[in-house]
All heavy atoms as atom14 arrays in JSON, in Angstrom:
{
  "sequence": "GTWHGNPLDHDFDRDDPADAFADVVDAAQESVVERLWQAWP",
  "atom14_mask": [
    [1, 1, 1, 1, 0, 0, 0, 0, 0, 0, 0, 0, 0, 0],
    [1, 1, 1, 1, 1, 1, 1, 0, 0, 0, 0, 0, 0, 0],
    [1, 1, 1, 1, 1, 1, 1, 1, 1, 1, 1, 1, 1, 1],
    [1, 1, 1, 1, 1, 1, 1, 1, 1, 1, 0, 0, 0, 0],
    [1, 1, 1, 1, 0, 0, 0, 0, 0, 0, 0, 0, 0, 0],
    [1, 1, 1, 1, 1, 1, 1, 1, 0, 0, 0, 0, 0, 0],
    [1, 1, 1, 1, 1, 1, 1, 0, 0, 0, 0, 0, 0, 0],
    [1, 1, 1, 1, 1, 1, 1, 1, 0, 0, 0, 0, 0, 0],
    [1, 1, 1, 1, 1, 1, 1, 1, 0, 0, 0, 0, 0, 0],
    [1, 1, 1, 1, 1, 1, 1, 1, 1, 1, 0, 0, 0, 0],
    [1, 1, 1, 1, 1, 1, 1, 1, 0, 0, 0, 0, 0, 0],
    [1, 1, 1, 1, 1, 1, 1, 1, 1, 1, 1, 0, 0, 0],
    [1, 1, 1, 1, 1, 1, 1, 1, 0, 0, 0, 0, 0, 0],
    [1, 1, 1, 1, 1, 1, 1, 1, 1, 1, 1, 0, 0, 0],
    [1, 1, 1, 1, 1, 1, 1, 1, 0, 0, 0, 0, 0, 0],
    [1, 1, 1, 1, 1, 1, 1, 1, 0, 0, 0, 0, 0, 0],
    [1, 1, 1, 1, 1, 1, 1, 0, 0, 0, 0, 0, 0, 0],
    [1, 1, 1, 1, 1, 0, 0, 0, 0, 0, 0, 0, 0, 0],
    [1, 1, 1, 1, 1, 1, 1, 1, 0, 0, 0, 0, 0, 0],
    [1, 1, 1, 1, 1, 0, 0, 0, 0, 0, 0, 0, 0, 0],
    [1, 1, 1, 1, 1, 1, 1, 1, 1, 1, 1, 0, 0, 0],
    [1, 1, 1, 1, 1, 0, 0, 0, 0, 0, 0, 0, 0, 0],
    [1, 1, 1, 1, 1, 1, 1, 1, 0, 0, 0, 0, 0, 0],
    [1, 1, 1, 1, 1, 1, 1, 0, 0, 0, 0, 0, 0, 0],
    [1, 1, 1, 1, 1, 1, 1, 0, 0, 0, 0, 0, 0, 0],
    [1, 1, 1, 1, 1, 1, 1, 1, 0, 0, 0, 0, 0, 0],
    [1, 1, 1, 1, 1, 0, 0, 0, 0, 0, 0, 0, 0, 0],
    [1, 1, 1, 1, 1, 0, 0, 0, 0, 0, 0, 0, 0, 0],
    [1, 1, 1, 1, 1, 1, 1, 1, 1, 0, 0, 0, 0, 0],
    [1, 1, 1, 1, 1, 1, 1, 1, 1, 0, 0, 0, 0, 0],
    [1, 1, 1, 1, 1, 1, 0, 0, 0, 0, 0, 0, 0, 0],
    [1, 1, 1, 1, 1, 1, 1, 0, 0, 0, 0, 0, 0, 0],
    [1, 1, 1, 1, 1, 1, 1, 0, 0, 0, 0, 0, 0, 0],
    [1, 1, 1, 1, 1, 1, 1, 1, 1, 0, 0, 0, 0, 0],
    [1, 1, 1, 1, 1, 1, 1, 1, 1, 1, 1, 0, 0, 0],
    [1, 1, 1, 1, 1, 1, 1, 1, 0, 0, 0, 0, 0, 0],
    [1, 1, 1, 1, 1, 1, 1, 1, 1, 1, 1, 1, 1, 1],
    [1, 1, 1, 1, 1, 1, 1, 1, 1, 0, 0, 0, 0, 0],
    [1, 1, 1, 1, 1, 0, 0, 0, 0, 0, 0, 0, 0, 0],
    [1, 1, 1, 1, 1, 1, 1, 1, 1, 1, 1, 1, 1, 1],
    [1, 1, 1, 1, 1, 1, 1, 0, 0, 0, 0, 0, 0, 0]
  ],
  "atom14_positions": [
    [[-2.25, 12.29, 6.55], [-3.34, 12.07, 5.61], [-2.93, 12.12, 4.14], [-3.79, 12.02, 3.28], [0.0, 0.0, 0.0], [0.0, 0.0, 0.0], [0.0, 0.0, 0.0], [0.0, 0.0, 0.0], [0.0, 0.0, 0.0], [0.0, 0.0, 0.0], [0.0, 0.0, 0.0], [0.0, 0.0, 0.0], [0.0, 0.0, 0.0], [0.0, 0.0, 0.0]],
    [[-1.65, 12.28, 3.86], [-1.2, 12.29, 2.48], [-0.67, 10.91, 2.11], [-0.27, 10.12, 2.98], [-0.08, 13.34, 2.26], [1.02, 13.04, 3.08], [-0.63, 14.74, 2.55], [0.0, 0.0, 0.0], [0.0, 0.0, 0.0], [0.0, 0.0, 0.0], [0.0, 0.0, 0.0], [0.0, 0.0, 0.0], [0.0, 0.0, 0.0], [0.0, 0.0, 0.0]],
    [[-0.66, 10.66, 0.83], [-0.2, 9.35, 0.34], [0.49, 9.51, -1.0], [0.49, 10.59, -1.6], [-1.37, 8.39, 0.16], [-2.38, 8.81, -0.86], [-2.31, 8.54, -2.21], [-3.53, 9.59, -0.66], [-3.38, 9.13, -2.83], [-4.14, 9.78, -1.91], [-4.12, 10.18, 0.47], [-5.3, 10.51, -2.07], [-5.28, 10.9, 0.29], [-5.86, 11.05, -0.95]],
    [[1.04, 8.43, -1.5], [1.64, 8.37, -2.81], [1.3, 7.02, -3.42], [1.34, 6.02, -2.71], [3.16, 8.55, -2.7], [3.8, 8.62, -4.05], [3.95, 9.8, -4.73], [4.34, 7.66, -4.85], [4.54, 9.56, -5.89], [4.8, 8.28, -5.98], [0.0, 0.0, 0.0], [0.0, 0.0, 0.0], [0.0, 0.0, 0.0], [0.0, 0.0, 0.0]],
    [[0.99, 7.0, -4.67], [0.76, 5.72, -5.36], [-0.68, 5.45, -5.69], [-1.54, 6.34, -5.59], [0.0, 0.0, 0.0], [0.0, 0.0, 0.0], [0.0, 0.0, 0.0], [0.0, 0.0, 0.0], [0.0, 0.0, 0.0], [0.0, 0.0, 0.0], [0.0, 0.0, 0.0], [0.0, 0.0, 0.0], [0.0, 0.0, 0.0], [0.0, 0.0, 0.0]],
    [[-0.91, 4.23, -6.08], [-2.24, 3.8, -6.56], [-3.15, 3.48, -5.41], [-2.72, 3.1, -4.34], [-2.08, 2.58, -7.47], [-1.28, 2.9, -8.71], [-1.44, 3.97, -9.29], [-0.47, 1.98, -9.15], [0.0, 0.0, 0.0], [0.0, 0.0, 0.0], [0.0, 0.0, 0.0], [0.0, 0.0, 0.0], [0.0, 0.0, 0.0], [0.0, 0.0, 0.0]],
    [[-4.49, 3.54, -5.68], [-5.43, 3.09, -4.64], [-5.37, 1.57, -4.45], [-4.86, 0.85, -5.32], [-6.79, 3.51, -5.22], [-6.59, 3.59, -6.69], [-5.15, 3.98, -6.91], [0.0, 0.0, 0.0], [0.0, 0.0, 0.0], [0.0, 0.0, 0.0], [0.0, 0.0, 0.0], [0.0, 0.0, 0.0], [0.0, 0.0, 0.0], [0.0, 0.0, 0.0]],
    [[-5.84, 1.14, -3.3], [-5.96, -0.28, -3.05], [-7.0, -0.89, -3.99], [-7.95, -0.22, -4.4], [-6.35, -0.52, -1.57], [-5.36, 0.01, -0.55], [-5.92, -0.12, 0.86], [-4.02, -0.73, -0.66], [0.0, 0.0, 0.0], [0.0, 0.0, 0.0], [0.0, 0.0, 0.0], [0.0, 0.0, 0.0], [0.0, 0.0, 0.0], [0.0, 0.0, 0.0]],
    [[-6.79, -2.15, -4.27], [-7.69, -2.82, -5.21], [-8.85, -3.47, -4.46], [-8.69, -4.36, -3.64], [-6.91, -3.94, -5.94], [-7.67, -4.6, -7.06], [-8.92, -4.61, -7.04], [-7.01, -5.12, -7.97], [0.0, 0.0, 0.0], [0.0, 0.0, 0.0], [0.0, 0.0, 0.0], [0.0, 0.0, 0.0], [0.0, 0.0, 0.0], [0.0, 0.0, 0.0]],
    [[-10.07, -2.98, -4.73], [-11.26, -3.51, -4.05], [-11.5, -4.99, -4.26], [-12.05, -5.66, -3.42], [-12.48, -2.69, -4.49], [-12.63, -1.4, -3.84], [-13.16, -1.22, -2.59], [-12.23, -0.14, -4.23], [-13.13, 0.06, -2.24], [-12.57, 0.73, -3.24], [0.0, 0.0, 0.0], [0.0, 0.0, 0.0], [0.0, 0.0, 0.0], [0.0, 0.0, 0.0]],
    [[-11.06, -5.51, -5.43], [-11.21, -6.95, -5.68], [-10.39, -7.77, -4.67], [-10.79, -8.8, -4.26], [-10.8, -7.3, -7.11], [-11.79, -6.77, -8.12], [-12.97, -6.53, -7.74], [-11.39, -6.58, -9.26], [0.0, 0.0, 0.0], [0.0, 0.0, 0.0], [0.0, 0.0, 0.0], [0.0, 0.0, 0.0], [0.0, 0.0, 0.0], [0.0, 0.0, 0.0]],
    [[-9.21, -7.27, -4.3], [-8.4, -7.98, -3.31], [-9.08, -8.05, -1.97], [-8.99, -9.0, -1.25], [-7.03, -7.31, -3.15], [-6.08, -7.52, -4.3], [-4.92, -6.8, -4.38], [-6.33, -8.43, -5.3], [-4.02, -6.97, -5.43], [-5.46, -8.63, -6.36], [-4.28, -7.89, -6.41], [0.0, 0.0, 0.0], [0.0, 0.0, 0.0], [0.0, 0.0, 0.0]],
    [[-9.77, -6.98, -1.6], [-10.41, -6.94, -0.28], [-11.5, -8.01, -0.17], [-11.73, -8.58, 0.88], [-11.01, -5.55, -0.03], [-11.56, -5.41, 1.39], [-10.95, -5.91, 2.31], [-12.64, -4.79, 1.55], [0.0, 0.0, 0.0], [0.0, 0.0, 0.0], [0.0, 0.0, 0.0], [0.0, 0.0, 0.0], [0.0, 0.0, 0.0], [0.0, 0.0, 0.0]],
    [[-12.19, -8.29, -1.26], [-13.29, -9.24, -1.21], [-12.82, -10.69, -1.47], [-13.38, -11.61, -0.91], [-14.3, -8.9, -2.31], [-15.12, -7.68, -2.01], [-16.25, -7.56, -2.98], [-15.78, -7.44, -4.37], [-15.5, -6.29, -4.96], [-15.67, -5.16, -4.33], [-15.11, -6.24, -6.2], [0.0, 0.0, 0.0], [0.0, 0.0, 0.0], [0.0, 0.0, 0.0]],
    [[-11.86, -10.86, -2.34], [-11.57, -12.19, -2.89], [-10.49, -12.99, -2.15], [-10.58, -14.18, -2.02], [-11.2, -12.11, -4.34], [-12.33, -11.58, -5.21], [-13.49, -11.65, -4.76], [-12.09, -11.07, -6.29], [0.0, 0.0, 0.0], [0.0, 0.0, 0.0], [0.0, 0.0, 0.0], [0.0, 0.0, 0.0], [0.0, 0.0, 0.0], [0.0, 0.0, 0.0]],
    [[-9.44, -12.32, -1.72], [-8.29, -13.05, -1.22], [-7.57, -12.28, -0.12], [-6.92, -11.29, -0.43], [-7.32, -13.37, -2.36], [-6.19, -14.27, -1.99], [-5.96, -14.46, -0.78], [-5.54, -14.8, -2.88], [0.0, 0.0, 0.0], [0.0, 0.0, 0.0], [0.0, 0.0, 0.0], [0.0, 0.0, 0.0], [0.0, 0.0, 0.0], [0.0, 0.0, 0.0]],
    [[-7.69, -12.73, 1.1], [-7.02, -11.99, 2.2], [-5.52, -11.83, 1.97], [-4.97, -10.79, 2.33], [-7.32, -12.84, 3.42], [-8.53, -13.6, 3.08], [-8.48, -13.84, 1.59], [0.0, 0.0, 0.0], [0.0, 0.0, 0.0], [0.0, 0.0, 0.0], [0.0, 0.0, 0.0], [0.0, 0.0, 0.0], [0.0, 0.0, 0.0], [0.0, 0.0, 0.0]],
    [[-4.87, -12.82, 1.41], [-3.43, -12.72, 1.19], [-3.08, -11.63, 0.18], [-2.14, -10.86, 0.36], [-2.84, -14.06, 0.74], [0.0, 0.0, 0.0], [0.0, 0.0, 0.0], [0.0, 0.0, 0.0], [0.0, 0.0, 0.0], [0.0, 0.0, 0.0], [0.0, 0.0, 0.0], [0.0, 0.0, 0.0], [0.0, 0.0, 0.0], [0.0, 0.0, 0.0]],
    [[-3.9, -11.51, -0.88], [-3.68, -10.47, -1.84], [-3.99, -9.1, -1.25], [-3.29, -8.11, -1.52], [-4.56, -10.69, -3.09], [-4.0, -11.73, -4.03], [-2.81, -12.1, -3.9], [-4.74, -12.21, -4.9], [0.0, 0.0, 0.0], [0.0, 0.0, 0.0], [0.0, 0.0, 0.0], [0.0, 0.0, 0.0], [0.0, 0.0, 0.0], [0.0, 0.0, 0.0]],
    [[-5.03, -9.02, -0.45], [-5.38, -7.75, 0.23], [-4.22, -7.34, 1.14], [-3.86, -6.15, 1.16], [-6.65, -7.91, 1.04], [0.0, 0.0, 0.0], [0.0, 0.0, 0.0], [0.0, 0.0, 0.0], [0.0, 0.0, 0.0], [0.0, 0.0, 0.0], [0.0, 0.0, 0.0], [0.0, 0.0, 0.0], [0.0, 0.0, 0.0], [0.0, 0.0, 0.0]],
    [[-3.65, -8.26, 1.87], [-2.52, -7.98, 2.75], [-1.34, -7.45, 1.95], [-0.74, -6.42, 2.27], [-2.15, -9.21, 3.57], [-1.12, -8.96, 4.61], [-1.42, -8.24, 5.75], [0.16, -9.47, 4.47], [-0.45, -8.01, 6.73], [1.12, -9.26, 5.44], [0.83, -8.52, 6.57], [0.0, 0.0, 0.0], [0.0, 0.0, 0.0], [0.0, 0.0, 0.0]],
    [[-1.01, -8.14, 0.87], [0.15, -7.74, 0.04], [-0.09, -6.37, -0.58], [0.85, -5.53, -0.63], [0.38, -8.76, -1.04], [0.0, 0.0, 0.0], [0.0, 0.0, 0.0], [0.0, 0.0, 0.0], [0.0, 0.0, 0.0], [0.0, 0.0, 0.0], [0.0, 0.0, 0.0], [0.0, 0.0, 0.0], [0.0, 0.0, 0.0], [0.0, 0.0, 0.0]],
    [[-1.29, -6.08, -1.0], [-1.64, -4.77, -1.56], [-1.43, -3.66, -0.54], [-0.85, -2.62, -0.86], [-3.09, -4.81, -2.04], [-3.4, -3.73, -3.09], [-2.49, -3.28, -3.81], [-4.57, -3.37, -3.18], [0.0, 0.0, 0.0], [0.0, 0.0, 0.0], [0.0, 0.0, 0.0], [0.0, 0.0, 0.0], [0.0, 0.0, 0.0], [0.0, 0.0, 0.0]],
    [[-1.84, -3.89, 0.68], [-1.68, -2.87, 1.76], [-0.2, -2.69, 2.08], [0.25, -1.55, 2.25], [-2.49, -3.28, 3.0], [-2.12, -2.4, 4.2], [-3.98, -3.15, 2.71], [0.0, 0.0, 0.0], [0.0, 0.0, 0.0], [0.0, 0.0, 0.0], [0.0, 0.0, 0.0], [0.0, 0.0, 0.0], [0.0, 0.0, 0.0], [0.0, 0.0, 0.0]],
    [[0.57, -3.77, 2.17], [1.99, -3.67, 2.47], [2.7, -2.85, 1.41], [3.47, -1.93, 1.71], [2.63, -5.07, 2.62], [4.16, -4.96, 2.76], [2.04, -5.8, 3.82], [0.0, 0.0, 0.0], [0.0, 0.0, 0.0], [0.0, 0.0, 0.0], [0.0, 0.0, 0.0], [0.0, 0.0, 0.0], [0.0, 0.0, 0.0], [0.0, 0.0, 0.0]],
    [[2.43, -3.15, 0.13], [3.04, -2.39, -0.96], [2.66, -0.93, -0.9], [3.52, -0.05, -1.05], [2.62, -2.97, -2.32], [3.3, -4.28, -2.66], [4.4, -4.56, -2.11], [2.75, -5.03, -3.48], [0.0, 0.0, 0.0], [0.0, 0.0, 0.0], [0.0, 0.0, 0.0], [0.0, 0.0, 0.0], [0.0, 0.0, 0.0], [0.0, 0.0, 0.0]],
    [[1.37, -0.64, -0.71], [0.92, 0.74, -0.67], [1.5, 1.49, 0.53], [1.85, 2.66, 0.46], [-0.6, 0.78, -0.63], [0.0, 0.0, 0.0], [0.0, 0.0, 0.0], [0.0, 0.0, 0.0], [0.0, 0.0, 0.0], [0.0, 0.0, 0.0], [0.0, 0.0, 0.0], [0.0, 0.0, 0.0], [0.0, 0.0, 0.0], [0.0, 0.0, 0.0]],
    [[1.6, 0.81, 1.67], [2.17, 1.44, 2.88], [3.64, 1.82, 2.63], [4.07, 2.94, 2.93], [2.04, 0.49, 4.05], [0.0, 0.0, 0.0], [0.0, 0.0, 0.0], [0.0, 0.0, 0.0], [0.0, 0.0, 0.0], [0.0, 0.0, 0.0], [0.0, 0.0, 0.0], [0.0, 0.0, 0.0], [0.0, 0.0, 0.0], [0.0, 0.0, 0.0]],
    [[4.4, 0.87, 2.09], [5.79, 1.17, 1.85], [5.96, 2.33, 0.88], [6.77, 3.23, 1.09], [6.54, -0.06, 1.32], [8.04, 0.22, 1.17], [8.8, -0.97, 0.67], [8.35, -1.68, -0.21], [9.99, -1.15, 1.21], [0.0, 0.0, 0.0], [0.0, 0.0, 0.0], [0.0, 0.0, 0.0], [0.0, 0.0, 0.0], [0.0, 0.0, 0.0]],
    [[5.15, 2.33, -0.18], [5.27, 3.4, -1.17], [4.95, 4.75, -0.56], [5.66, 5.75, -0.79], [4.37, 3.13, -2.37], [4.56, 4.17, -3.46], [3.93, 3.78, -4.77], [3.18, 2.78, -4.83], [4.15, 4.51, -5.74], [0.0, 0.0, 0.0], [0.0, 0.0, 0.0], [0.0, 0.0, 0.0], [0.0, 0.0, 0.0], [0.0, 0.0, 0.0]],
    [[3.9, 4.84, 0.25], [3.54, 6.1, 0.89], [4.64, 6.58, 1.87], [5.01, 7.75, 1.87], [2.2, 6.02, 1.61], [1.17, 6.04, 0.65], [0.0, 0.0, 0.0], [0.0, 0.0, 0.0], [0.0, 0.0, 0.0], [0.0, 0.0, 0.0], [0.0, 0.0, 0.0], [0.0, 0.0, 0.0], [0.0, 0.0, 0.0], [0.0, 0.0, 0.0]],
    [[5.16, 5.68, 2.67], [6.21, 6.06, 3.62], [7.46, 6.54, 2.86], [8.0, 7.61, 3.17], [6.56, 4.87, 4.57], [7.83, 5.18, 5.38], [5.41, 4.57, 5.5], [0.0, 0.0, 0.0], [0.0, 0.0, 0.0], [0.0, 0.0, 0.0], [0.0, 0.0, 0.0], [0.0, 0.0, 0.0], [0.0, 0.0, 0.0], [0.0, 0.0, 0.0]],
    [[7.89, 5.77, 1.89], [9.11, 6.14, 1.17], [8.94, 7.49, 0.45], [9.82, 8.36, 0.53], [9.46, 5.02, 0.15], [10.52, 5.47, -0.83], [9.94, 3.78, 0.89], [0.0, 0.0, 0.0], [0.0, 0.0, 0.0], [0.0, 0.0, 0.0], [0.0, 0.0, 0.0], [0.0, 0.0, 0.0], [0.0, 0.0, 0.0], [0.0, 0.0, 0.0]],
    [[7.84, 7.67, -0.26], [7.65, 8.86, -1.04], [7.25, 10.09, -0.22], [7.65, 11.22, -0.54], [6.64, 8.62, -2.17], [7.11, 7.61, -3.17], [8.34, 8.07, -3.98], [8.54, 9.31, -4.15], [9.11, 7.21, -4.42], [0.0, 0.0, 0.0], [0.0, 0.0, 0.0], [0.0, 0.0, 0.0], [0.0, 0.0, 0.0], [0.0, 0.0, 0.0]],
    [[6.46, 9.94, 0.8], [6.0, 11.08, 1.57], [7.03, 11.51, 2.61], [7.13, 12.67, 2.98], [4.67, 10.8, 2.26], [3.51, 10.54, 1.28], [3.25, 11.64, 0.29], [3.06, 12.9, 0.97], [3.25, 14.09, 0.43], [3.64, 14.21, -0.8], [3.02, 15.18, 1.13], [0.0, 0.0, 0.0], [0.0, 0.0, 0.0], [0.0, 0.0, 0.0]],
    [[7.79, 10.53, 3.17], [8.8, 10.89, 4.18], [10.2, 11.03, 3.61], [11.12, 11.36, 4.3], [8.81, 9.81, 5.29], [7.49, 9.61, 6.03], [7.64, 8.56, 7.11], [6.92, 10.92, 6.61], [0.0, 0.0, 0.0], [0.0, 0.0, 0.0], [0.0, 0.0, 0.0], [0.0, 0.0, 0.0], [0.0, 0.0, 0.0], [0.0, 0.0, 0.0]],
    [[10.34, 10.71, 2.3], [11.59, 10.81, 1.58], [12.73, 10.03, 2.26], [13.8, 10.56, 2.51], [11.98, 12.28, 1.4], [11.2, 12.93, 0.31], [10.04, 13.6, 0.5], [11.48, 12.95, -1.09], [9.55, 13.99, -0.71], [10.45, 13.64, -1.72], [12.48, 12.44, -1.85], [10.4, 13.84, -3.08], [12.47, 12.65, -3.23], [11.41, 13.34, -3.81]],
    [[12.44, 8.78, 2.56], [13.45, 7.9, 3.11], [13.13, 6.47, 2.8], [11.96, 6.13, 2.66], [13.61, 8.11, 4.62], [12.37, 7.74, 5.4], [12.52, 8.06, 6.86], [12.47, 9.24, 7.25], [12.73, 7.05, 7.68], [0.0, 0.0, 0.0], [0.0, 0.0, 0.0], [0.0, 0.0, 0.0], [0.0, 0.0, 0.0], [0.0, 0.0, 0.0]],
    [[14.19, 5.67, 2.68], [13.94, 4.22, 2.5], [13.29, 3.65, 3.77], [13.63, 4.08, 4.9], [15.25, 3.51, 2.21], [0.0, 0.0, 0.0], [0.0, 0.0, 0.0], [0.0, 0.0, 0.0], [0.0, 0.0, 0.0], [0.0, 0.0, 0.0], [0.0, 0.0, 0.0], [0.0, 0.0, 0.0], [0.0, 0.0, 0.0], [0.0, 0.0, 0.0]],
    [[12.37, 2.75, 3.59], [11.71, 2.11, 4.74], [11.11, 0.8, 4.31], [10.53, 0.7, 3.25], [10.62, 2.99, 5.29], [9.91, 2.32, 6.45], [10.36, 2.29, 7.75], [8.7, 1.56, 6.41], [9.47, 1.56, 8.51], [8.46, 1.08, 7.73], [7.8, 1.22, 5.43], [7.36, 0.31, 8.06], [6.68, 0.44, 5.72], [6.48, -0.03, 7.05]],
    [[11.24, -0.22, 5.16], [12.12, -0.29, 6.35], [13.52, -0.58, 5.96], [13.78, -1.08, 4.85], [11.5, -1.45, 7.14], [10.91, -2.33, 6.09], [10.44, -1.42, 4.99], [0.0, 0.0, 0.0], [0.0, 0.0, 0.0], [0.0, 0.0, 0.0], [0.0, 0.0, 0.0], [0.0, 0.0, 0.0], [0.0, 0.0, 0.0], [0.0, 0.0, 0.0]]
  ]
}
């Protein structure tokens, strides 16, 4: 339940599925890298 980084952008969720996807990928990588202290993937 812990994370690192900025919140997801609500405008991306409504306006552009590709931007929403990219936002989630970036946020996921940042949380994994910073919370688990390892490069991923």
